[in-house]
Amino acid sequence: MKLKYVGVALIAVCLSLFVALTQGRARTRANVGRGQYLVEEIAQCGMCHTPRNERGEFEPGRWLRGGPLEFEPAHAAADWPTSAPAIAGLPGWSRAEAIRFLQTGITRNGNPPRRPMPQYRMRHDDAEAIVAYLKSLKTGPG
């Protein structure tokens, strides 16, 4: 009789773990989807962080992998970058560092980002969603 209860308890634990894992995956997918929306439609990160071809179209397979900036400041700026870094996969950034950057607008070295990068001050859940999306992107050659 005791063995029967152990078996039932084991099945209940397994079912609970399955449900928790399934719900966790669904939440992760939803967070990645929300991050994709924020990156692509709201912040429009691809405008600077994706290279373009000779027709000015985004290069296929190179989404958010960095590229030359297609514009210059109206007034000379000595520290103006000529390219934007790759952000697909967030190379060199931990999740916590990237979330902190998006929430505070301060880089890992304690400075604001170089122009033209905005000094974002996002809500924690928005920053988490963006980082989840960016970390989900492949980082190898196109």
Protein backbone atom coordinates (compact mmCIF):
# COMPACT_ATOMS: atom_id res chain seq x y z
CA MET A 1 0.00 0.00 0.00
CA LYS A 2 2.85 2.37 0.89
CA LEU A 3 4.44 1.77 -2.53
CA LYS A 4 1.20 2.81 -4.23
CA TYR A 5 1.24 6.21 -2.48
CA VAL A 6 4.91 6.74 -3.35
CA GLY A 7 4.09 6.02 -7.01
CA VAL A 8 1.16 8.46 -6.99
CA ALA A 9 3.32 11.10 -5.30
CA LEU A 10 6.08 10.58 -7.86
CA ILE A 11 3.61 10.98 -10.72
CA ALA A 12 2.24 14.17 -9.13
CA VAL A 13 5.74 15.61 -8.77
CA CYS A 14 6.59 14.75 -12.38
CA LEU A 15 3.36 16.34 -13.63
CA SER A 16 4.03 19.47 -11.58
CA LEU A 17 7.55 19.74 -13.00
CA PHE A 18 6.24 19.23 -16.54
CA VAL A 19 3.60 21.96 -16.08
CA ALA A 20 6.16 24.35 -14.55
CA LEU A 21 8.65 23.76 -17.39
CA THR A 22 5.97 24.15 -20.05
CA GLN A 23 4.71 27.38 -18.50
CA GLY A 24 8.28 28.66 -18.15
CA ARG A 25 8.98 27.99 -21.84
CA ALA A 26 5.74 29.74 -22.82
CA ARG A 27 6.67 32.76 -20.68
CA THR A 28 10.16 32.80 -22.22
CA ARG A 29 8.72 32.66 -25.76
CA ALA A 30 6.29 35.47 -24.91
CA ASN A 31 9.12 37.55 -23.43
CA VAL A 32 11.29 36.99 -26.52
CA GLY A 33 8.34 37.97 -28.73
CA ARG A 34 7.76 41.12 -26.72
CA GLY A 35 11.47 41.93 -26.90
CA GLN A 36 11.40 41.46 -30.67
CA TYR A 37 8.50 43.90 -30.92
CA LEU A 38 10.31 46.47 -28.77
CA VAL A 39 13.59 46.11 -30.71
CA GLU A 40 12.07 46.10 -34.20
CA GLU A 41 9.03 48.37 -33.91
CA ILE A 42 9.65 50.73 -31.00
CA ALA A 43 13.42 51.25 -30.58
CA GLN A 44 14.12 50.32 -34.24
CA CYS A 45 17.60 49.06 -33.33
CA GLY A 46 18.10 47.61 -36.82
CA MET A 47 18.33 51.10 -38.32
CA CYS A 48 21.89 51.43 -36.95
CA HIS A 49 22.88 47.91 -35.91
CA THR A 50 22.16 46.11 -39.22
CA PRO A 51 24.33 46.51 -42.34
CA ARG A 52 22.69 47.48 -45.62
CA ASN A 53 23.36 46.48 -49.21
CA GLU A 54 24.07 48.84 -52.12
CA ARG A 55 20.32 49.50 -52.52
CA GLY A 56 20.01 50.57 -48.86
CA GLU A 57 18.12 47.41 -47.87
CA PHE A 58 18.99 45.40 -44.78
CA GLU A 59 21.43 42.62 -45.69
CA PRO A 60 19.69 39.25 -45.47
CA GLY A 61 21.03 37.08 -42.66
CA ARG A 62 22.88 39.96 -40.97
CA TRP A 63 20.08 41.30 -38.73
CA LEU A 64 21.53 43.25 -35.79
CA ARG A 65 25.09 42.11 -36.52
CA GLY A 66 26.54 45.62 -36.62
CA GLY A 67 27.43 47.79 -39.55
CA PRO A 68 28.54 51.19 -40.74
CA LEU A 69 26.42 54.15 -39.71
CA GLU A 70 24.64 55.63 -42.71
CA PHE A 71 24.48 59.16 -41.29
CA GLU A 72 26.63 61.82 -39.65
CA PRO A 73 25.87 64.48 -37.05
CA ALA A 74 24.69 67.90 -38.18
CA HIS A 75 27.63 69.46 -36.31
CA ALA A 76 31.12 67.96 -36.12
CA ALA A 77 31.58 65.58 -33.20
CA ALA A 78 35.04 64.20 -32.45
CA ASP A 79 33.73 61.04 -30.78
CA TRP A 80 31.14 60.15 -33.45
CA PRO A 81 31.43 56.44 -34.32
CA THR A 82 31.57 55.26 -37.91
CA SER A 83 29.85 51.95 -37.15
CA ALA A 84 27.40 50.39 -34.74
CA PRO A 85 28.37 47.19 -32.91
CA ALA A 86 26.69 43.83 -33.30
CA ILE A 87 23.94 43.34 -30.74
CA ALA A 88 22.61 39.96 -31.96
CA GLY A 89 23.41 37.60 -29.10
CA LEU A 90 24.81 40.56 -27.10
CA PRO A 91 28.44 39.45 -27.49
CA GLY A 92 30.50 40.35 -24.44
CA TRP A 93 27.48 41.32 -22.35
CA SER A 94 25.91 39.30 -19.56
CA ARG A 95 22.13 39.44 -19.16
CA ALA A 96 22.50 41.47 -15.97
CA GLU A 97 24.89 43.99 -17.58
CA ALA A 98 22.63 44.51 -20.59
CA ILE A 99 19.51 44.90 -18.45
CA ARG A 100 21.30 47.40 -16.21
CA PHE A 101 22.47 49.36 -19.29
CA LEU A 102 18.95 49.55 -20.74
CA GLN A 103 17.49 50.60 -17.38
CA THR A 104 20.11 53.20 -16.42
CA GLY A 105 21.54 54.39 -19.73
CA ILE A 106 25.04 53.80 -18.34
CA THR A 107 27.51 51.42 -19.99
CA ARG A 108 29.65 48.84 -18.20
CA ASN A 109 32.51 51.35 -17.94
CA GLY A 110 30.27 53.84 -16.09
CA ASN A 111 29.73 56.26 -18.98
CA PRO A 112 26.71 57.07 -21.10
CA PRO A 113 26.75 55.42 -24.54
CA ARG A 114 28.40 57.25 -27.43
CA ARG A 115 26.07 59.19 -29.66
CA PRO A 116 23.90 58.44 -31.59
CA MET A 117 22.93 55.63 -29.19
CA PRO A 118 20.11 56.89 -26.96
CA GLN A 119 20.63 56.83 -23.22
CA TYR A 120 17.62 54.62 -22.51
CA ARG A 121 15.92 54.42 -19.13
CA MET A 122 13.60 51.46 -19.59
CA ARG A 123 11.37 49.65 -17.18
CA HIS A 124 12.87 46.42 -15.88
CA ASP A 125 10.38 44.17 -17.70
CA ASP A 126 11.01 45.94 -21.03
CA ALA A 127 14.78 45.65 -20.57
CA GLU A 128 14.43 41.96 -19.70
CA ALA A 129 12.32 41.31 -22.81
CA ILE A 130 14.79 43.09 -25.10
CA VAL A 131 17.73 41.19 -23.63
CA ALA A 132 15.83 37.88 -23.95
CA TYR A 133 15.22 38.61 -27.65
CA LEU A 134 18.77 39.78 -28.40
CA LYS A 135 20.30 36.80 -26.55
CA SER A 136 18.07 34.47 -28.60
CA LEU A 137 19.58 35.61 -31.90
CA LYS A 138 22.35 33.63 -33.55
CA THR A 139 25.70 35.37 -33.69
CA GLY A 140 27.70 33.46 -36.32
CA PRO A 141 28.39 34.51 -39.91
CA GLY A 142 25.33 35.16 -42.08
